[in-house]
Protein backbone atom coordinates (compact mmCIF):
# COMPACT_ATOMS: atom_id res chain seq x y z
CA MET A 1 -18.33 11.02 -8.57
CA ALA A 2 -14.94 10.97 -6.83
CA VAL A 3 -14.48 12.88 -3.59
CA TYR A 4 -11.10 14.28 -2.63
CA GLU A 5 -10.21 14.96 0.98
CA MET A 6 -7.44 17.36 1.87
CA ARG A 7 -6.26 17.17 5.47
CA THR A 8 -3.99 19.89 6.80
CA TYR A 9 -2.31 19.56 10.18
CA ASN A 10 -0.77 22.70 11.66
CA VAL A 11 2.12 21.42 13.73
CA GLN A 12 3.38 23.34 16.76
CA VAL A 13 6.36 25.54 15.92
CA GLY A 14 9.59 23.61 16.49
CA LYS A 15 7.84 20.23 16.54
CA MET A 16 7.93 19.40 12.80
CA PRO A 17 11.03 17.15 13.05
CA GLU A 18 9.31 15.16 15.81
CA ALA A 19 6.04 14.99 13.82
CA ILE A 20 7.89 13.76 10.72
CA GLY A 21 9.71 11.19 12.86
CA HIS A 22 6.39 9.82 14.15
CA TYR A 23 5.06 9.57 10.58
CA GLN A 24 8.18 7.76 9.40
CA LYS A 25 8.39 5.36 12.35
CA LEU A 26 4.72 4.69 13.14
CA GLY A 27 2.35 6.59 10.86
CA TRP A 28 3.37 5.48 7.39
CA PRO A 29 3.80 1.79 8.33
CA ALA A 30 0.27 1.83 9.79
CA LEU A 31 -1.19 3.83 6.88
CA GLU A 32 0.54 2.04 4.02
CA LYS A 33 -1.59 -1.11 4.21
CA HIS A 34 -4.78 0.98 3.98
CA ALA A 35 -3.65 3.79 1.64
CA LYS A 36 -3.37 1.98 -1.69
CA GLY A 37 -5.83 3.39 -4.20
CA HIS A 38 -6.79 6.26 -1.90
CA LEU A 39 -3.68 8.28 -1.08
CA VAL A 40 -2.75 10.90 -3.66
CA GLY A 41 0.19 12.24 -1.64
CA TYR A 42 1.70 13.74 1.48
CA PHE A 43 3.27 17.20 1.49
CA VAL A 44 5.11 19.52 3.90
CA SER A 45 4.66 23.27 3.48
CA ASP A 46 7.73 25.17 2.30
CA THR A 47 6.29 28.67 1.77
CA GLY A 48 3.14 30.46 2.87
CA PRO A 49 1.72 29.07 6.12
CA LEU A 50 4.58 27.03 7.57
CA HIS A 51 4.63 24.04 9.92
CA GLN A 52 1.94 22.22 7.93
CA LEU A 53 1.59 18.59 6.97
CA VAL A 54 -0.91 18.20 4.13
CA HIS A 55 -2.27 14.99 2.69
CA LEU A 56 -4.68 14.45 -0.17
CA TRP A 57 -6.93 11.41 -0.50
CA LYS A 58 -9.24 10.21 -3.29
CA PHE A 59 -12.41 8.20 -2.65
CA GLU A 60 -15.14 6.81 -4.90
CA ASP A 61 -17.79 8.65 -2.89
CA ASP A 62 -18.56 9.74 0.66
CA ASN A 63 -19.49 6.19 1.73
CA ASP A 64 -16.07 4.96 0.56
CA ARG A 65 -14.42 7.83 2.47
CA ARG A 66 -16.27 7.11 5.70
CA ALA A 67 -15.58 3.37 5.48
CA PHE A 68 -11.87 4.04 4.90
CA TRP A 69 -11.49 6.24 7.99
CA LYS A 70 -13.51 3.79 10.09
CA ARG A 71 -11.17 0.93 9.08
CA LEU A 72 -8.08 3.03 9.66
CA PHE A 73 -9.12 4.24 13.11
CA ALA A 74 -9.90 0.63 14.10
CA ASP A 75 -6.27 -0.33 13.37
CA GLU A 76 -4.24 -0.62 16.60
CA ALA A 77 -0.99 0.41 14.91
CA PHE A 78 -2.64 3.58 13.62
CA GLN A 79 -4.07 4.29 17.08
CA GLU A 80 -0.55 4.06 18.51
CA PHE A 81 0.69 6.56 15.93
CA ALA A 82 -2.24 8.93 16.56
CA LYS A 83 -1.60 8.85 20.31
CA ASN A 84 1.97 10.07 19.71
CA PHE A 85 1.21 12.49 16.88
CA ARG A 86 -1.86 14.36 18.19
CA PRO A 87 -0.07 16.26 20.99
CA LEU A 88 2.14 17.89 18.32
CA VAL A 89 -0.82 19.24 16.33
CA GLN A 90 -2.01 22.76 17.00
CA ASN A 91 -5.13 22.36 14.82
CA GLN A 92 -6.47 20.41 11.85
CA ASN A 93 -8.50 21.32 8.80
CA VAL A 94 -10.37 18.77 6.67
CA GLN A 95 -11.68 19.95 3.32
CA LEU A 96 -13.76 17.86 0.90
CA LEU A 97 -13.22 18.68 -2.77
CA LEU A 98 -14.98 17.67 -5.97
CA ALA A 99 -13.11 17.47 -9.26
CA ALA A 100 -13.67 20.42 -11.60
CA PRO A 101 -15.38 19.42 -14.86
CA TRP A 102 -12.19 20.18 -16.86
CA GLY A 103 -8.51 19.30 -16.77
CA PRO A 104 -6.69 16.25 -15.44
CA HIS A 105 -7.50 14.63 -12.10
CA PRO A 106 -5.41 12.20 -10.05
């Protein structure tokens, strides 16, 4: 059964342009080589709670999810991105989701 992981980063007020810049310059180039088949999408909040970066991932199961994050965090380019991005994050929420037994799924 597929497992979906939604990660929400609450970025410090006024720091979103800098956070997006780090993703564009360092984050996405480091993530892109690992993301294929797993990344559903990245989103930036426009209403409701603001200053949020949200990304949704799909994994075969929890073992696949854990192996993915282990590989990613072993990547030096991703570590460089994380070092620059983390100081801009106020807090983070990680939510694991299971597909409902009806309707379409990514």
